[in-house]
């Protein structure tokens, strides 16, 4: 059930560029976590009024959630990889991107009329 959700103050790129970015993020998240990509969900929201450091310059907030435990080595590698990908795809500087990593209990995540 890994999830990666990207929220940004930037205007949305073309639909095909967003789809390409989400597919790339999906594959990378599955690889980083060692989980099947068939369970990975991605989401993208743009044009959100946001500030960072007191300015409204382009900013990005990313949520990464997964059942189980992400270790510090994984989160550090994911931070580097996803910040770089977002900077390449959206033009938001890594120093204006926050990433929140959250471990979830299987019983707290629903899917297919049940829980994990």
N, C-alpha and C. Protein backbone atom coordinates (compact mmCIF):
# COMPACT_ATOMS: atom_id res chain seq x y z
N UNK A 1 0.79 -1.20 0.00
CA UNK A 1 0.00 0.00 0.00
C UNK A 1 0.83 1.26 0.00
N UNK A 2 2.03 1.23 -0.47
CA UNK A 2 2.78 2.48 -0.46
C UNK A 2 2.03 3.58 -1.22
N UNK A 3 2.14 4.79 -0.70
CA UNK A 3 1.51 5.96 -1.30
C UNK A 3 2.55 7.07 -1.39
N UNK A 4 2.59 7.74 -2.52
CA UNK A 4 3.37 8.96 -2.65
C UNK A 4 2.43 10.03 -3.21
N UNK A 5 2.30 11.11 -2.45
CA UNK A 5 1.41 12.21 -2.80
C UNK A 5 2.24 13.48 -2.89
N UNK A 6 2.14 14.16 -4.03
CA UNK A 6 2.91 15.37 -4.29
C UNK A 6 1.95 16.55 -4.36
N UNK A 7 2.22 17.56 -3.56
CA UNK A 7 1.45 18.80 -3.60
C UNK A 7 2.41 19.94 -3.88
N UNK A 8 2.01 20.84 -4.78
CA UNK A 8 2.90 21.93 -5.14
C UNK A 8 2.12 23.22 -5.39
N UNK A 9 2.81 24.32 -5.23
CA UNK A 9 2.22 25.62 -5.54
C UNK A 9 2.32 25.94 -7.03
N UNK A 10 3.12 25.18 -7.74
CA UNK A 10 3.32 25.42 -9.17
C UNK A 10 2.08 25.03 -9.97
N UNK A 11 1.95 25.63 -11.14
CA UNK A 11 0.89 25.25 -12.07
C UNK A 11 1.18 23.85 -12.59
N UNK A 12 0.13 23.14 -12.91
CA UNK A 12 0.29 21.77 -13.38
C UNK A 12 0.91 21.73 -14.77
N UNK A 13 1.89 20.84 -14.96
CA UNK A 13 2.39 20.63 -16.32
C UNK A 13 1.32 19.94 -17.16
N UNK A 14 1.61 19.70 -18.42
CA UNK A 14 0.70 18.97 -19.29
C UNK A 14 0.36 17.62 -18.67
N UNK A 15 -0.84 17.12 -18.97
CA UNK A 15 -1.32 15.86 -18.40
C UNK A 15 -0.33 14.72 -18.65
N UNK A 16 0.23 14.64 -19.84
CA UNK A 16 1.17 13.55 -20.15
C UNK A 16 2.44 13.64 -19.31
N UNK A 17 2.88 14.86 -19.01
CA UNK A 17 4.07 15.04 -18.17
C UNK A 17 3.78 14.62 -16.74
N UNK A 18 2.58 14.95 -16.25
CA UNK A 18 2.19 14.53 -14.89
C UNK A 18 2.10 13.02 -14.81
N UNK A 19 1.47 12.40 -15.80
CA UNK A 19 1.36 10.93 -15.81
C UNK A 19 2.73 10.28 -15.86
N UNK A 20 3.63 10.82 -16.65
CA UNK A 20 4.99 10.29 -16.72
C UNK A 20 5.72 10.40 -15.39
N UNK A 21 5.57 11.57 -14.74
CA UNK A 21 6.20 11.78 -13.44
C UNK A 21 5.64 10.80 -12.41
N UNK A 22 4.32 10.63 -12.38
CA UNK A 22 3.71 9.72 -11.41
C UNK A 22 4.14 8.27 -11.65
N UNK A 23 4.27 7.87 -12.90
CA UNK A 23 4.73 6.51 -13.19
C UNK A 23 6.17 6.32 -12.73
N UNK A 24 6.99 7.33 -12.93
CA UNK A 24 8.38 7.27 -12.47
C UNK A 24 8.44 7.19 -10.95
N UNK A 25 7.67 8.04 -10.26
CA UNK A 25 7.65 8.02 -8.80
C UNK A 25 7.14 6.69 -8.28
N UNK A 26 6.15 6.11 -8.94
CA UNK A 26 5.60 4.82 -8.53
C UNK A 26 6.67 3.72 -8.60
N UNK A 27 7.36 3.66 -9.72
CA UNK A 27 8.40 2.64 -9.89
C UNK A 27 9.53 2.83 -8.88
N UNK A 28 9.92 4.08 -8.66
CA UNK A 28 11.01 4.35 -7.72
C UNK A 28 10.60 4.00 -6.29
N UNK A 29 9.37 4.32 -5.90
CA UNK A 29 8.92 4.03 -4.54
C UNK A 29 8.89 2.52 -4.31
N UNK A 30 8.38 1.78 -5.28
CA UNK A 30 8.36 0.31 -5.16
C UNK A 30 9.77 -0.22 -4.99
N UNK A 31 10.70 0.31 -5.77
CA UNK A 31 12.09 -0.15 -5.70
C UNK A 31 12.71 0.18 -4.34
N UNK A 32 12.53 1.39 -3.89
CA UNK A 32 13.11 1.80 -2.59
C UNK A 32 12.58 0.95 -1.44
N UNK A 33 11.29 0.61 -1.49
CA UNK A 33 10.68 -0.13 -0.39
C UNK A 33 10.71 -1.64 -0.57
N UNK A 34 11.09 -2.09 -1.76
CA UNK A 34 11.11 -3.53 -2.03
C UNK A 34 9.73 -4.14 -2.02
N UNK A 35 8.74 -3.36 -2.47
CA UNK A 35 7.35 -3.83 -2.50
C UNK A 35 6.86 -3.86 -3.95
N UNK A 36 5.85 -4.69 -4.22
CA UNK A 36 5.33 -4.75 -5.59
C UNK A 36 4.71 -3.42 -6.01
N UNK A 37 5.02 -2.99 -7.21
CA UNK A 37 4.45 -1.74 -7.70
C UNK A 37 2.94 -1.83 -7.86
N UNK A 38 2.42 -3.03 -7.96
CA UNK A 38 0.97 -3.21 -8.11
C UNK A 38 0.19 -2.67 -6.92
N UNK A 39 0.85 -2.41 -5.79
CA UNK A 39 0.20 -1.85 -4.61
C UNK A 39 0.47 -0.36 -4.42
N UNK A 40 1.32 0.23 -5.25
CA UNK A 40 1.71 1.64 -5.08
C UNK A 40 0.64 2.56 -5.67
N UNK A 41 0.27 3.58 -4.89
CA UNK A 41 -0.65 4.62 -5.36
C UNK A 41 0.11 5.94 -5.41
N UNK A 42 -0.17 6.75 -6.43
CA UNK A 42 0.42 8.07 -6.56
C UNK A 42 -0.70 9.11 -6.65
N UNK A 43 -0.41 10.32 -6.23
CA UNK A 43 -1.36 11.42 -6.35
C UNK A 43 -0.58 12.71 -6.58
N UNK A 44 -1.20 13.63 -7.31
CA UNK A 44 -0.57 14.91 -7.62
C UNK A 44 -1.60 16.02 -7.54
N UNK A 45 -1.25 17.07 -6.80
CA UNK A 45 -2.10 18.26 -6.71
C UNK A 45 -1.23 19.48 -6.98
N UNK A 46 -1.71 20.34 -7.84
CA UNK A 46 -0.96 21.54 -8.19
C UNK A 46 -1.78 22.79 -7.89
N UNK A 47 -1.17 23.95 -8.09
CA UNK A 47 -1.83 25.24 -7.90
C UNK A 47 -2.38 25.42 -6.48
N UNK A 48 -1.69 24.86 -5.50
CA UNK A 48 -2.13 24.99 -4.11
C UNK A 48 -1.44 26.21 -3.50
N UNK A 49 -2.22 27.12 -2.91
CA UNK A 49 -1.58 28.25 -2.24
C UNK A 49 -0.71 27.74 -1.08
N UNK A 50 0.58 28.00 -1.16
CA UNK A 50 1.54 27.52 -0.17
C UNK A 50 2.63 28.57 0.03
N UNK A 51 3.22 28.55 1.22
CA UNK A 51 4.42 29.35 1.46
C UNK A 51 5.47 28.47 2.11
N UNK A 52 6.70 28.90 2.03
CA UNK A 52 7.82 28.23 2.69
C UNK A 52 8.83 29.32 3.01
N UNK A 53 9.25 29.37 4.25
CA UNK A 53 10.22 30.39 4.66
C UNK A 53 9.70 31.80 4.49
N UNK A 54 8.39 31.96 4.55
CA UNK A 54 7.80 33.28 4.46
C UNK A 54 7.61 33.82 3.06
N UNK A 55 7.90 32.99 2.04
CA UNK A 55 7.70 33.45 0.66
C UNK A 55 6.77 32.49 -0.08
N UNK A 56 6.21 32.98 -1.16
CA UNK A 56 5.35 32.15 -2.00
C UNK A 56 6.07 31.67 -3.26
N UNK A 57 7.40 31.68 -3.23
CA UNK A 57 8.17 31.08 -4.33
C UNK A 57 7.76 29.62 -4.46
N UNK A 58 7.96 29.00 -5.62
CA UNK A 58 7.53 27.61 -5.80
C UNK A 58 7.99 26.68 -4.67
N UNK A 59 7.06 25.85 -4.22
CA UNK A 59 7.28 24.96 -3.09
C UNK A 59 6.59 23.63 -3.35
N UNK A 60 7.06 22.60 -2.66
CA UNK A 60 6.49 21.27 -2.84
C UNK A 60 6.46 20.54 -1.49
N UNK A 61 5.37 19.80 -1.27
CA UNK A 61 5.23 18.96 -0.09
C UNK A 61 4.90 17.56 -0.58
N UNK A 62 5.63 16.57 -0.07
CA UNK A 62 5.47 15.18 -0.50
C UNK A 62 5.17 14.32 0.72
N UNK A 63 4.17 13.46 0.61
CA UNK A 63 3.87 12.48 1.65
C UNK A 63 4.21 11.10 1.11
N UNK A 64 4.94 10.34 1.90
CA UNK A 64 5.23 8.95 1.56
C UNK A 64 4.79 8.10 2.74
N UNK A 65 3.83 7.21 2.47
CA UNK A 65 3.31 6.33 3.51
C UNK A 65 3.46 4.89 3.06
N UNK A 66 3.73 4.02 4.04
CA UNK A 66 3.89 2.61 3.73
C UNK A 66 3.62 1.78 4.97
N UNK A 67 3.06 0.60 4.75
CA UNK A 67 2.88 -0.34 5.84
C UNK A 67 4.24 -0.94 6.16
N UNK A 68 4.56 -0.97 7.42
CA UNK A 68 5.86 -1.51 7.85
C UNK A 68 6.73 -0.39 8.38
N UNK A 69 8.00 -0.63 8.40
CA UNK A 69 8.94 0.33 8.96
C UNK A 69 9.95 0.76 7.90
N UNK A 70 10.03 2.05 7.68
CA UNK A 70 11.06 2.60 6.80
C UNK A 70 12.24 2.97 7.69
N UNK A 71 13.42 2.51 7.31
CA UNK A 71 14.59 2.80 8.13
C UNK A 71 15.26 4.09 7.67
N UNK A 72 16.13 4.66 8.51
CA UNK A 72 16.77 5.93 8.17
C UNK A 72 17.55 5.90 6.86
N UNK A 73 18.16 4.78 6.54
CA UNK A 73 18.88 4.68 5.27
C UNK A 73 17.93 4.80 4.08
N UNK A 74 16.77 4.15 4.18
CA UNK A 74 15.76 4.23 3.11
C UNK A 74 15.23 5.65 2.96
N UNK A 75 14.88 6.28 4.08
CA UNK A 75 14.29 7.62 3.98
C UNK A 75 15.30 8.64 3.45
N UNK A 76 16.56 8.50 3.81
CA UNK A 76 17.58 9.41 3.30
C UNK A 76 17.75 9.23 1.79
N UNK A 77 17.79 7.98 1.34
CA UNK A 77 17.92 7.70 -0.10
C UNK A 77 16.69 8.18 -0.86
N UNK A 78 15.50 7.97 -0.28
CA UNK A 78 14.28 8.42 -0.94
C UNK A 78 14.23 9.94 -1.00
N UNK A 79 14.65 10.62 0.06
CA UNK A 79 14.64 12.07 0.06
C UNK A 79 15.51 12.61 -1.07
N UNK A 80 16.68 12.06 -1.21
CA UNK A 80 17.59 12.50 -2.27
C UNK A 80 16.98 12.22 -3.65
N UNK A 81 16.49 11.02 -3.85
CA UNK A 81 15.96 10.60 -5.14
C UNK A 81 14.71 11.41 -5.52
N UNK A 82 13.76 11.53 -4.59
CA UNK A 82 12.51 12.21 -4.92
C UNK A 82 12.68 13.72 -5.02
N UNK A 83 13.54 14.31 -4.21
CA UNK A 83 13.81 15.75 -4.36
C UNK A 83 14.41 16.04 -5.73
N UNK A 84 15.33 15.18 -6.16
CA UNK A 84 15.95 15.35 -7.47
C UNK A 84 14.91 15.19 -8.58
N UNK A 85 14.05 14.19 -8.46
CA UNK A 85 13.02 13.96 -9.48
C UNK A 85 12.06 15.14 -9.56
N UNK A 86 11.64 15.65 -8.41
CA UNK A 86 10.71 16.78 -8.39
C UNK A 86 11.36 18.04 -8.95
N UNK A 87 12.63 18.24 -8.62
CA UNK A 87 13.33 19.40 -9.18
C UNK A 87 13.42 19.28 -10.70
N UNK A 88 13.73 18.08 -11.19
CA UNK A 88 13.83 17.87 -12.64
C UNK A 88 12.48 18.03 -13.33
N UNK A 89 11.42 17.50 -12.74
CA UNK A 89 10.11 17.48 -13.38
C UNK A 89 9.31 18.77 -13.17
N UNK A 90 9.40 19.35 -11.99
CA UNK A 90 8.56 20.51 -11.67
C UNK A 90 9.34 21.81 -11.53
N UNK A 91 10.65 21.71 -11.40
CA UNK A 91 11.45 22.91 -11.24
C UNK A 91 11.41 23.50 -9.84
N UNK A 92 10.98 22.69 -8.85
CA UNK A 92 10.97 23.15 -7.46
C UNK A 92 12.28 22.70 -6.82
N UNK A 93 13.02 23.65 -6.29
CA UNK A 93 14.31 23.38 -5.68
C UNK A 93 14.17 22.43 -4.50
N UNK A 94 15.17 21.58 -4.33
CA UNK A 94 15.18 20.62 -3.22
C UNK A 94 15.11 21.33 -1.87
N UNK A 95 15.66 22.54 -1.79
CA UNK A 95 15.63 23.25 -0.51
C UNK A 95 14.28 23.95 -0.26
N UNK A 96 13.32 23.72 -1.16
CA UNK A 96 11.95 24.21 -0.97
C UNK A 96 10.96 23.04 -1.04
N UNK A 97 11.46 21.86 -0.72
CA UNK A 97 10.63 20.65 -0.73
C UNK A 97 10.74 19.96 0.61
N UNK A 98 9.60 19.70 1.21
CA UNK A 98 9.53 18.89 2.43
C UNK A 98 8.96 17.53 2.06
N UNK A 99 9.49 16.48 2.67
CA UNK A 99 8.96 15.13 2.50
C UNK A 99 8.63 14.58 3.87
N UNK A 100 7.41 14.11 4.02
CA UNK A 100 6.99 13.46 5.26
C UNK A 100 6.91 11.96 5.02
N UNK A 101 7.65 11.20 5.82
CA UNK A 101 7.62 9.74 5.75
C UNK A 101 6.77 9.24 6.91
N UNK A 102 5.84 8.34 6.64
CA UNK A 102 4.97 7.83 7.69
C UNK A 102 4.79 6.32 7.54
N UNK A 103 5.10 5.59 8.62
CA UNK A 103 4.84 4.16 8.67
C UNK A 103 3.39 3.96 9.10
N UNK A 104 2.73 2.99 8.51
CA UNK A 104 1.34 2.71 8.86
C UNK A 104 1.20 1.26 9.31
N UNK A 105 0.31 1.04 10.27
CA UNK A 105 -0.04 -0.32 10.66
C UNK A 105 -0.99 -0.88 9.61
N UNK A 106 -0.86 -2.14 9.30
CA UNK A 106 -1.73 -2.77 8.31
C UNK A 106 -3.20 -2.66 8.67
N UNK A 107 -3.49 -2.74 9.95
CA UNK A 107 -4.89 -2.66 10.39
C UNK A 107 -5.47 -1.26 10.26
N UNK A 108 -4.61 -0.27 10.00
CA UNK A 108 -5.06 1.11 9.89
C UNK A 108 -5.14 1.58 8.43
N UNK A 109 -5.03 0.64 7.49
CA UNK A 109 -5.08 0.99 6.07
C UNK A 109 -6.05 0.03 5.39
N UNK A 110 -7.15 0.59 4.86
CA UNK A 110 -8.17 -0.23 4.21
C UNK A 110 -7.93 -0.41 2.72
N UNK A 111 -8.36 -1.55 2.21
CA UNK A 111 -8.27 -1.84 0.77
C UNK A 111 -9.15 -3.05 0.46
N UNK A 112 -9.84 -3.00 -0.63
CA UNK A 112 -10.59 -4.15 -1.15
C UNK A 112 -11.57 -4.69 -0.10
N UNK A 113 -12.27 -3.80 0.55
CA UNK A 113 -13.29 -4.13 1.56
C UNK A 113 -12.73 -4.75 2.84
N UNK A 114 -11.43 -4.61 3.07
CA UNK A 114 -10.81 -5.14 4.28
C UNK A 114 -9.67 -4.22 4.68
N UNK A 115 -8.73 -4.72 5.43
CA UNK A 115 -7.52 -3.98 5.78
C UNK A 115 -6.32 -4.86 5.49
N UNK A 116 -5.15 -4.27 5.53
CA UNK A 116 -3.94 -5.04 5.33
C UNK A 116 -3.54 -5.70 6.63
